[in-house]
C-alpha atoms as a PDB file:
ATOM      1  CA  MET A   1     145.523  12.342  61.958  1.00  0.00           C
ATOM      2  CA  PRO A   2     143.108  12.363  64.918  1.00  0.00           C
ATOM      3  CA  GLU A   3     140.166  14.728  64.649  1.00  0.00           C
ATOM      4  CA  ILE A   4     138.133  16.981  66.883  1.00  0.00           C
ATOM      5  CA  PHE A   5     134.545  17.130  65.645  1.00  0.00           C
ATOM      6  CA  ILE A   6     132.686  20.179  66.902  1.00  0.00           C
ATOM      7  CA  GLY A   7     129.035  21.198  66.675  1.00  0.00           C
ATOM      8  CA  SER A   8     126.392  23.261  68.429  1.00  0.00           C
ATOM      9  CA  ASP A   9     122.885  24.529  68.374  1.00  0.00           C
ATOM     10  CA  HIS A  10     121.945  28.229  68.192  1.00  0.00           C
ATOM     11  CA  ARG A  11     122.628  28.803  71.901  1.00  0.00           C
ATOM     12  CA  GLY A  12     126.171  27.488  71.509  1.00  0.00           C
ATOM     13  CA  PHE A  13     126.854  28.941  68.060  1.00  0.00           C
ATOM     14  CA  GLU A  14     129.022  31.884  69.191  1.00  0.00           C
ATOM     15  CA  LEU A  15     131.098  29.685  71.505  1.00  0.00           C
ATOM     16  CA  LYS A  16     131.501  27.062  68.753  1.00  0.00           C
ATOM     17  CA  GLU A  17     132.824  29.703  66.374  1.00  0.00           C
ATOM     18  CA  HIS A  18     135.305  30.823  69.043  1.00  0.00           C
ATOM     19  CA  LEU A  19     136.523  27.266  69.713  1.00  0.00           C
ATOM     20  CA  VAL A  20     136.869  26.417  66.024  1.00  0.00           C
ATOM     21  CA  ALA A  21     139.028  29.531  65.564  1.00  0.00           C
ATOM     22  CA  VAL A  22     141.138  28.880  68.660  1.00  0.00           C
ATOM     23  CA  LEU A  23     141.638  25.167  67.951  1.00  0.00           C
ATOM     24  CA  SER A  24     142.515  25.926  64.340  1.00  0.00           C
ATOM     25  CA  GLY A  25     145.175  28.409  65.418  1.00  0.00           C
ATOM     26  CA  GLY A  26     143.356  31.538  64.336  1.00  0.00           C
ATOM     27  CA  ALA A  27     142.507  33.206  67.656  1.00  0.00           C
ATOM     28  CA  GLU A  28     144.018  33.920  71.069  1.00  0.00           C
ATOM     29  CA  PRO A  29     144.390  32.487  73.627  1.00  0.00           C
ATOM     30  CA  GLN A  30     145.697  29.397  71.904  1.00  0.00           C
ATOM     31  CA  ILE A  31     144.496  26.068  73.291  1.00  0.00           C
ATOM     32  CA  ILE A  32     147.418  23.678  73.313  1.00  0.00           C
ATOM     33  CA  ALA A  33     146.132  20.281  72.207  1.00  0.00           C
ATOM     34  CA  LYS A  34     147.964  17.130  71.178  1.00  0.00           C
ATOM     35  CA  SER A  35     146.373  13.720  70.723  1.00  0.00           C
ATOM     36  CA  GLU A  36     147.441  10.804  72.891  1.00  0.00           C
ATOM     37  CA  THR A  37     149.770   9.769  70.071  1.00  0.00           C
ATOM     38  CA  GLY A  38     151.418  13.209  70.135  1.00  0.00           C
ATOM     39  CA  GLU A  39     149.929  14.257  66.797  1.00  0.00           C
ATOM     40  CA  ASP A  40     148.156  17.536  66.204  1.00  0.00           C
ATOM     41  CA  TYR A  41     144.382  17.302  66.030  1.00  0.00           C
ATOM     42  CA  MET A  42     142.557  18.245  62.846  1.00  0.00           C
ATOM     43  CA  VAL A  43     139.491  20.353  63.653  1.00  0.00           C
ATOM     44  CA  THR A  44     136.283  19.532  61.760  1.00  0.00           C
ATOM     45  CA  ASP A  45     133.387  21.942  62.185  1.00  0.00           C
ATOM     46  CA  LEU A  46     130.122  20.044  61.701  1.00  0.00           C
ATOM     47  CA  GLY A  47     127.984  23.157  61.980  1.00  0.00           C
ATOM     48  CA  PRO A  48     125.805  24.964  62.043  1.00  0.00           C
ATOM     49  CA  PHE A  49     127.549  27.420  59.764  1.00  0.00           C
ATOM     50  CA  THR A  50     124.970  30.181  60.208  1.00  0.00           C
ATOM     51  CA  LEU A  51     122.949  31.140  63.245  1.00  0.00           C
ATOM     52  CA  ASP A  52     119.466  29.585  63.117  1.00  0.00           C
ATOM     53  CA  PRO A  53     117.357  30.343  66.224  1.00  0.00           C
ATOM     54  CA  ASP A  54     114.980  27.499  65.309  1.00  0.00           C
ATOM     55  CA  ASP A  55     117.534  24.679  65.088  1.00  0.00           C
ATOM     56  CA  ASP A  56     117.504  21.681  67.442  1.00  0.00           C
ATOM     57  CA  TYR A  57     120.428  20.544  69.575  1.00  0.00           C
ATOM     58  CA  ASN A  58     119.650  16.968  68.544  1.00  0.00           C
ATOM     59  CA  ASP A  59     120.972  17.519  65.019  1.00  0.00           C
ATOM     60  CA  ALA A  60     124.396  18.697  66.185  1.00  0.00           C
ATOM     61  CA  ALA A  61     124.677  15.936  68.784  1.00  0.00           C
ATOM     62  CA  ILE A  62     123.813  13.236  66.242  1.00  0.00           C
ATOM     63  CA  LYS A  63     126.384  14.528  63.724  1.00  0.00           C
ATOM     64  CA  VAL A  64     129.209  14.721  66.268  1.00  0.00           C
ATOM     65  CA  ALA A  65     128.333  11.424  67.987  1.00  0.00           C
ATOM     66  CA  LYS A  66     128.272   9.550  64.655  1.00  0.00           C
ATOM     67  CA  ALA A  67     131.592  11.108  63.635  1.00  0.00           C
ATOM     68  CA  VAL A  68     133.248  10.119  66.933  1.00  0.00           C
ATOM     69  CA  GLN A  69     131.674   6.665  66.776  1.00  0.00           C
ATOM     70  CA  ASN A  70     133.123   6.131  63.280  1.00  0.00           C
ATOM     71  CA  ASN A  71     136.573   7.560  64.155  1.00  0.00           C
ATOM     72  CA  PRO A  72     137.761   5.797  67.333  1.00  0.00           C
ATOM     73  CA  ASN A  73     140.764   8.045  68.122  1.00  0.00           C
ATOM     74  CA  SER A  74     138.800  11.242  67.674  1.00  0.00           C
ATOM     75  CA  ARG A  75     137.169  13.562  70.177  1.00  0.00           C
ATOM     76  CA  GLY A  76     134.024  15.635  69.990  1.00  0.00           C
ATOM     77  CA  ILE A  77     132.906  18.950  71.421  1.00  0.00           C
ATOM     78  CA  LEU A  78     129.230  19.894  71.589  1.00  0.00           C
ATOM     79  CA  ILE A  79     127.741  23.154  72.840  1.00  0.00           C
ATOM     80  CA  CYS A  80     124.174  24.131  73.701  1.00  0.00           C
ATOM     81  CA  GLY A  81     122.552  26.278  76.381  1.00  0.00           C
ATOM     82  CA  SER A  82     122.769  23.831  79.300  1.00  0.00           C
ATOM     83  CA  ALA A  83     124.819  20.917  77.859  1.00  0.00           C
ATOM     84  CA  HIS A  84     122.098  18.522  79.035  1.00  0.00           C
ATOM     85  CA  GLY A  85     120.221  17.871  75.795  1.00  0.00           C
ATOM     86  CA  ILE A  86     123.315  17.345  73.681  1.00  0.00           C
ATOM     87  CA  GLU A  87     124.839  15.060  76.299  1.00  0.00           C
ATOM     88  CA  ILE A  88     121.708  12.889  76.487  1.00  0.00           C
ATOM     89  CA  GLN A  89     121.439  12.671  72.688  1.00  0.00           C
ATOM     90  CA  ALA A  90     125.127  11.891  72.151  1.00  0.00           C
ATOM     91  CA  ASN A  91     125.153   9.138  74.777  1.00  0.00           C
ATOM     92  CA  ARG A  92     122.551   7.171  72.815  1.00  0.00           C
ATOM     93  CA  PHE A  93     125.327   6.035  70.446  1.00  0.00           C
ATOM     94  CA  LYS A  94     127.290   2.901  71.317  1.00  0.00           C
ATOM     95  CA  GLY A  95     130.909   3.690  72.090  1.00  0.00           C
ATOM     96  CA  VAL A  96     130.203   7.343  72.815  1.00  0.00           C
ATOM     97  CA  ARG A  97     130.954   8.586  76.316  1.00  0.00           C
ATOM     98  CA  ALA A  98     129.793  12.197  76.460  1.00  0.00           C
ATOM     99  CA  ILE A  99     130.233  14.291  79.586  1.00  0.00           C
ATOM    100  CA  ALA A 100     129.038  17.734  80.575  1.00  0.00           C
ATOM    101  CA  ALA A 101     131.941  19.590  82.169  1.00  0.00           C
ATOM    102  CA  TYR A 102     131.253  22.911  83.862  1.00  0.00           C
ATOM    103  CA  SER A 103     134.769  23.144  85.321  1.00  0.00           C
ATOM    104  CA  PRO A 104     138.311  22.046  84.467  1.00  0.00           C
ATOM    105  CA  GLU A 105     138.159  19.490  87.308  1.00  0.00           C
ATOM    106  CA  LEU A 106     135.103  17.766  85.810  1.00  0.00           C
ATOM    107  CA  ALA A 107     136.776  17.589  82.395  1.00  0.00           C
ATOM    108  CA  LYS A 108     139.849  15.968  83.960  1.00  0.00           C
ATOM    109  CA  ILE A 109     137.855  13.359  85.881  1.00  0.00           C
ATOM    110  CA  GLY A 110     135.699  12.615  82.829  1.00  0.00           C
ATOM    111  CA  ARG A 111     138.797  11.778  80.811  1.00  0.00           C
ATOM    112  CA  GLU A 112     140.727   9.941  83.541  1.00  0.00           C
ATOM    113  CA  HIS A 113     137.842   7.830  84.863  1.00  0.00           C
ATOM    114  CA  ASN A 114     135.330   7.569  82.020  1.00  0.00           C
ATOM    115  CA  ASP A 115     137.583   7.840  78.972  1.00  0.00           C
ATOM    116  CA  ALA A 116     135.077  10.440  77.733  1.00  0.00           C
ATOM    117  CA  ASN A 117     135.341  11.102  74.021  1.00  0.00           C
ATOM    118  CA  ILE A 118     132.817  13.956  73.715  1.00  0.00           C
ATOM    119  CA  LEU A 119     132.876  17.119  75.797  1.00  0.00           C
ATOM    120  CA  CYS A 120     129.530  18.876  76.208  1.00  0.00           C
ATOM    121  CA  LEU A 121     129.686  22.535  77.141  1.00  0.00           C
ATOM    122  CA  SER A 122     127.055  24.906  78.441  1.00  0.00           C
ATOM    123  CA  ALA A 123     127.078  28.270  76.725  1.00  0.00           C
ATOM    124  CA  ASP A 124     124.792  29.665  79.443  1.00  0.00           C
ATOM    125  CA  PHE A 125     126.183  28.190  82.677  1.00  0.00           C
ATOM    126  CA  THR A 126     129.931  27.810  82.195  1.00  0.00           C
ATOM    127  CA  LYS A 127     132.200  30.697  83.075  1.00  0.00           C
ATOM    128  CA  ARG A 128     133.666  32.089  79.864  1.00  0.00           C
ATOM    129  CA  GLU A 129     137.089  32.386  81.466  1.00  0.00           C
ATOM    130  CA  ASP A 130     137.017  28.602  82.123  1.00  0.00           C
ATOM    131  CA  ILE A 131     136.005  27.438  78.623  1.00  0.00           C
ATOM    132  CA  ASP A 132     139.444  27.317  76.989  1.00  0.00           C
ATOM    133  CA  LYS A 133     140.969  25.604  80.039  1.00  0.00           C
ATOM    134  CA  ILE A 134     138.178  23.002  80.141  1.00  0.00           C
ATOM    135  CA  VAL A 135     138.728  22.197  76.463  1.00  0.00           C
ATOM    136  CA  GLU A 136     142.514  22.079  76.850  1.00  0.00           C
ATOM    137  CA  ILE A 137     142.287  19.680  79.813  1.00  0.00           C
ATOM    138  CA  PHE A 138     139.731  17.496  78.031  1.00  0.00           C
ATOM    139  CA  LEU A 139     141.945  17.183  74.959  1.00  0.00           C
ATOM    140  CA  ASN A 140     145.216  16.624  76.845  1.00  0.00           C
ATOM    141  CA  THR A 141     144.198  14.350  79.717  1.00  0.00           C
ATOM    142  CA  ALA A 142     144.760  10.639  79.209  1.00  0.00           C
ATOM    143  CA  PHE A 143     142.473   7.853  80.394  1.00  0.00           C
ATOM    144  CA  SER A 144     143.891   6.265  83.557  1.00  0.00           C
ATOM    145  CA  GLY A 145     143.563   2.732  82.209  1.00  0.00           C
ATOM    146  CA  GLU A 146     142.802   1.399  85.682  1.00  0.00           C
ATOM    147  CA  GLU A 147     141.017  -1.963  85.629  1.00  0.00           C
ATOM    148  CA  ARG A 148     138.030  -0.667  87.611  1.00  0.00           C
ATOM    149  CA  HIS A 149     137.491   2.149  85.122  1.00  0.00           C
ATOM    150  CA  ILE A 150     137.871  -0.185  82.134  1.00  0.00           C
ATOM    151  CA  ARG A 151     135.313  -2.564  83.672  1.00  0.00           C
ATOM    152  CA  ARG A 152     132.824   0.198  84.433  1.00  0.00           C
ATOM    153  CA  ASN A 153     133.204   1.827  81.025  1.00  0.00           C
ATOM    154  CA  LYS A 154     132.536  -1.467  79.237  1.00  0.00           C
ATOM    155  CA  ARG A 155     129.225  -1.681  81.093  1.00  0.00           C
ATOM    156  CA  LEU A 156     128.120   1.664  79.630  1.00  0.00           C
ATOM    157  CA  ASP A 157     127.394   0.008  76.291  1.00  0.00           C
ATOM    158  CA  GLU A 158     125.337  -2.838  77.799  1.00  0.00           C
ATOM    159  CA  GLU A 159     121.612  -2.915  77.227  1.00  0.00           C
ATOM    160  CA  GLY A 160     119.504  -1.686  80.137  1.00  0.00           C
ATOM    161  CA  ALA A 161     117.590  -4.083  82.354  1.00  0.00           C
END
């Protein structure tokens, strides 16, 4: 069964708790999410499990990025204040393509063009009414598979010059 690994820092803690509940079927509105194989996703909360104002976004990003890296058909969701720090940290792992999506349109393009496997959300700068839609689009949009996108995505794991 494909998994959704989710984590946050203290700034994203409340939103993480909301998404874990919604994706697990315990809160409304319900995000409709099926994997590309048509299977239901299993939601795995990687923490934090209590609010810690002194935690670092790096820890959550490392946990989720490693989980996605080790589970190729999985997806990840990370949340911090801006989405910048977690995105930078997650993208340091080979095979991880993390995007910050502040709108449903950015989530769609990130999946179609970049085959993004981790969605980074901003708890401070994303409209709350857009969050569930962004997540739903990210989880349900397929990669286009176009040759130009495949070629470009392969280059993302190359060493820098």
